[in-house]
Amino acid sequence: MDDTQGVIAKIIKRCWEDAKFQQRFVSQPNSVLKEYGVDVPADLEIKVVLNTDNVHYLAVPTKPGDQLSDASLDAVVGGAISPTFAHKIAIKKLTGMGGPGTHDPGPYCIPYPC
């Protein structure tokens, strides 16, 4: 896990434990990330959404520039929603977002590993 992912994992854990902090992270994510040492460019807007038991958000990444070949693009896109992930959604409700210790940590856990 790179350093930014580790920091984001700490922020998410604190959000689970502190409702006021969670509210501030949702309303001012760039400020909170900066407080934790994450350098967010001034022209980059971060939006934070909260999953619920019945609604889970899945971000679609921006399309890479022309520097990727079709084969490379297929590999990137194929990795975003793998058949295994789609199958997991189809057969099992995503309960893995409920908090520490509520599920099996694995590649579907956000942040990974939890």
C-alpha atoms as a PDB file:
ATOM      1  CA  MET A   1       0.000   0.000   0.000  1.00  0.00           C
ATOM      2  CA  ASP A   2       1.509   3.354  -0.936  1.00  0.00           C
ATOM      3  CA  ASP A   3       1.619   6.196   1.551  1.00  0.00           C
ATOM      4  CA  THR A   4      -1.465   8.025   0.190  1.00  0.00           C
ATOM      5  CA  GLN A   5      -3.586   4.866   0.408  1.00  0.00           C
ATOM      6  CA  GLY A   6      -2.465   4.383   4.008  1.00  0.00           C
ATOM      7  CA  VAL A   7      -3.418   7.959   4.883  1.00  0.00           C
ATOM      8  CA  ILE A   8      -6.815   7.570   3.225  1.00  0.00           C
ATOM      9  CA  ALA A   9      -7.356   4.336   5.175  1.00  0.00           C
ATOM     10  CA  LYS A  10      -6.635   6.251   8.406  1.00  0.00           C
ATOM     11  CA  ILE A  11      -9.060   9.007   7.391  1.00  0.00           C
ATOM     12  CA  ILE A  12     -11.803   6.495   6.609  1.00  0.00           C
ATOM     13  CA  LYS A  13     -11.252   4.725   9.930  1.00  0.00           C
ATOM     14  CA  ARG A  14     -11.533   8.043  11.747  1.00  0.00           C
ATOM     15  CA  CYS A  15     -14.728   8.818   9.776  1.00  0.00           C
ATOM     16  CA  TRP A  16     -16.207   5.559  11.094  1.00  0.00           C
ATOM     17  CA  GLU A  17     -15.323   6.548  14.649  1.00  0.00           C
ATOM     18  CA  ASP A  18     -16.083  10.301  14.630  1.00  0.00           C
ATOM     19  CA  ALA A  19     -19.276  11.644  13.020  1.00  0.00           C
ATOM     20  CA  LYS A  20     -18.154  15.279  13.184  1.00  0.00           C
ATOM     21  CA  PHE A  21     -14.874  14.443  11.465  1.00  0.00           C
ATOM     22  CA  GLN A  22     -16.790  12.460   8.833  1.00  0.00           C
ATOM     23  CA  GLN A  23     -19.046  15.447   8.172  1.00  0.00           C
ATOM     24  CA  ARG A  24     -16.003  17.709   7.793  1.00  0.00           C
ATOM     25  CA  PHE A  25     -14.313  15.221   5.445  1.00  0.00           C
ATOM     26  CA  VAL A  26     -17.434  15.113   3.267  1.00  0.00           C
ATOM     27  CA  SER A  27     -17.726  18.914   3.150  1.00  0.00           C
ATOM     28  CA  GLN A  28     -13.992  19.803   3.018  1.00  0.00           C
ATOM     29  CA  PRO A  29     -12.045  16.821   1.688  1.00  0.00           C
ATOM     30  CA  ASN A  30      -9.151  18.824   0.259  1.00  0.00           C
ATOM     31  CA  SER A  31      -8.538  20.509   3.635  1.00  0.00           C
ATOM     32  CA  VAL A  32      -8.668  17.237   5.559  1.00  0.00           C
ATOM     33  CA  LEU A  33      -6.347  15.513   3.079  1.00  0.00           C
ATOM     34  CA  LYS A  34      -3.908  18.429   3.362  1.00  0.00           C
ATOM     35  CA  GLU A  35      -3.981  18.135   7.178  1.00  0.00           C
ATOM     36  CA  TYR A  36      -2.941  14.495   6.767  1.00  0.00           C
ATOM     37  CA  GLY A  37      -0.056  15.414   4.478  1.00  0.00           C
ATOM     38  CA  VAL A  38      -1.641  14.565   1.125  1.00  0.00           C
ATOM     39  CA  ASP A  39      -0.643  17.155  -1.474  1.00  0.00           C
ATOM     40  CA  VAL A  40      -3.819  17.858  -3.463  1.00  0.00           C
ATOM     41  CA  PRO A  41      -3.264  20.218  -6.406  1.00  0.00           C
ATOM     42  CA  ALA A  42      -5.205  23.484  -6.045  1.00  0.00           C
ATOM     43  CA  ASP A  43      -7.102  22.851  -9.290  1.00  0.00           C
ATOM     44  CA  LEU A  44      -8.250  19.355  -8.247  1.00  0.00           C
ATOM     45  CA  GLU A  45     -11.663  19.071  -6.604  1.00  0.00           C
ATOM     46  CA  ILE A  46     -12.202  15.990  -4.447  1.00  0.00           C
ATOM     47  CA  LYS A  47     -15.752  14.810  -3.731  1.00  0.00           C
ATOM     48  CA  VAL A  48     -16.526  12.394  -0.925  1.00  0.00           C
ATOM     49  CA  VAL A  49     -19.734  10.355  -0.879  1.00  0.00           C
ATOM     50  CA  LEU A  50     -20.963   8.051   1.846  1.00  0.00           C
ATOM     51  CA  ASN A  51     -22.090   4.523   1.099  1.00  0.00           C
ATOM     52  CA  THR A  52     -25.122   3.233   2.965  1.00  0.00           C
ATOM     53  CA  ASP A  53     -26.420  -0.276   3.534  1.00  0.00           C
ATOM     54  CA  ASN A  54     -28.555   0.064   0.404  1.00  0.00           C
ATOM     55  CA  VAL A  55     -26.497   2.362  -1.837  1.00  0.00           C
ATOM     56  CA  HIS A  56     -22.875   1.832  -2.855  1.00  0.00           C
ATOM     57  CA  TYR A  57     -21.031   4.198  -5.192  1.00  0.00           C
ATOM     58  CA  LEU A  58     -18.625   3.016  -7.852  1.00  0.00           C
ATOM     59  CA  ALA A  59     -16.405   5.662  -9.454  1.00  0.00           C
ATOM     60  CA  VAL A  60     -15.716   5.455 -13.157  1.00  0.00           C
ATOM     61  CA  PRO A  61     -12.170   6.704 -13.736  1.00  0.00           C
ATOM     62  CA  THR A  62     -11.445   9.288 -16.400  1.00  0.00           C
ATOM     63  CA  LYS A  63     -10.456   7.921 -19.755  1.00  0.00           C
ATOM     64  CA  PRO A  64      -6.672   7.813 -20.168  1.00  0.00           C
ATOM     65  CA  GLY A  65      -5.116   9.949 -22.899  1.00  0.00           C
ATOM     66  CA  ASP A  66      -4.037   8.659 -26.280  1.00  0.00           C
ATOM     67  CA  GLN A  67      -0.743   7.344 -24.892  1.00  0.00           C
ATOM     68  CA  LEU A  68      -2.303   3.924 -24.145  1.00  0.00           C
ATOM     69  CA  SER A  69      -2.687   1.304 -26.853  1.00  0.00           C
ATOM     70  CA  ASP A  70      -6.027  -0.486 -27.258  1.00  0.00           C
ATOM     71  CA  ALA A  71      -4.519  -3.554 -25.553  1.00  0.00           C
ATOM     72  CA  SER A  72      -3.312  -1.459 -22.610  1.00  0.00           C
ATOM     73  CA  LEU A  73      -6.678   0.275 -22.351  1.00  0.00           C
ATOM     74  CA  ASP A  74      -8.449  -3.098 -22.349  1.00  0.00           C
ATOM     75  CA  ALA A  75      -6.198  -4.240 -19.511  1.00  0.00           C
ATOM     76  CA  VAL A  76      -6.947  -1.116 -17.457  1.00  0.00           C
ATOM     77  CA  VAL A  77     -10.686  -1.194 -18.071  1.00  0.00           C
ATOM     78  CA  GLY A  78     -10.832  -4.958 -17.643  1.00  0.00           C
ATOM     79  CA  GLY A  79      -9.246  -4.587 -14.228  1.00  0.00           C
ATOM     80  CA  ALA A  80     -11.787  -1.987 -13.098  1.00  0.00           C
ATOM     81  CA  ILE A  81     -14.724  -4.406 -13.193  1.00  0.00           C
ATOM     82  CA  SER A  82     -13.497  -7.932 -13.401  1.00  0.00           C
ATOM     83  CA  PRO A  83     -15.896 -10.841 -13.921  1.00  0.00           C
ATOM     84  CA  THR A  84     -15.051 -11.955 -10.380  1.00  0.00           C
ATOM     85  CA  PHE A  85     -16.096  -8.577  -8.974  1.00  0.00           C
ATOM     86  CA  ALA A  86     -19.305  -8.543 -11.037  1.00  0.00           C
ATOM     87  CA  HIS A  87     -20.071 -12.081  -9.865  1.00  0.00           C
ATOM     88  CA  LYS A  88     -19.464 -11.113  -6.237  1.00  0.00           C
ATOM     89  CA  ILE A  89     -21.938  -8.229  -6.596  1.00  0.00           C
ATOM     90  CA  ALA A  90     -24.499 -10.515  -8.187  1.00  0.00           C
ATOM     91  CA  ILE A  91     -24.360 -13.227  -5.528  1.00  0.00           C
ATOM     92  CA  LYS A  92     -23.535 -11.317  -2.358  1.00  0.00           C
ATOM     93  CA  LYS A  93     -24.591  -7.950  -1.054  1.00  0.00           C
ATOM     94  CA  LEU A  94     -21.555  -5.717  -0.563  1.00  0.00           C
ATOM     95  CA  THR A  95     -21.380  -5.887   3.198  1.00  0.00           C
ATOM     96  CA  GLY A  96     -17.630  -5.433   3.165  1.00  0.00           C
ATOM     97  CA  MET A  97     -17.929  -1.673   3.529  1.00  0.00           C
ATOM     98  CA  GLY A  98     -19.431  -1.827   7.020  1.00  0.00           C
ATOM     99  CA  GLY A  99     -16.319  -1.164   9.024  1.00  0.00           C
ATOM    100  CA  PRO A 100     -13.330  -2.897  10.491  1.00  0.00           C
ATOM    101  CA  GLY A 101     -13.878  -6.516  11.395  1.00  0.00           C
ATOM    102  CA  THR A 102     -17.261  -6.822   9.665  1.00  0.00           C
ATOM    103  CA  HIS A 103     -16.103  -8.756   6.628  1.00  0.00           C
ATOM    104  CA  ASP A 104     -13.342 -10.669   4.900  1.00  0.00           C
ATOM    105  CA  PRO A 105     -10.565  -8.280   3.887  1.00  0.00           C
ATOM    106  CA  GLY A 106      -9.679  -8.741   0.262  1.00  0.00           C
ATOM    107  CA  PRO A 107      -9.487  -7.025  -3.112  1.00  0.00           C
ATOM    108  CA  TYR A 108     -13.095  -5.784  -2.842  1.00  0.00           C
ATOM    109  CA  CYS A 109     -12.477  -3.999   0.449  1.00  0.00           C
ATOM    110  CA  ILE A 110     -12.197  -0.233   0.224  1.00  0.00           C
ATOM    111  CA  PRO A 111      -9.646   0.815   1.227  1.00  0.00           C
ATOM    112  CA  TYR A 112      -7.716  -2.353   0.439  1.00  0.00           C
ATOM    113  CA  PRO A 113      -6.575  -3.932   2.616  1.00  0.00           C
ATOM    114  CA  CYS A 114      -8.713  -2.768   5.469  1.00  0.00           C
END
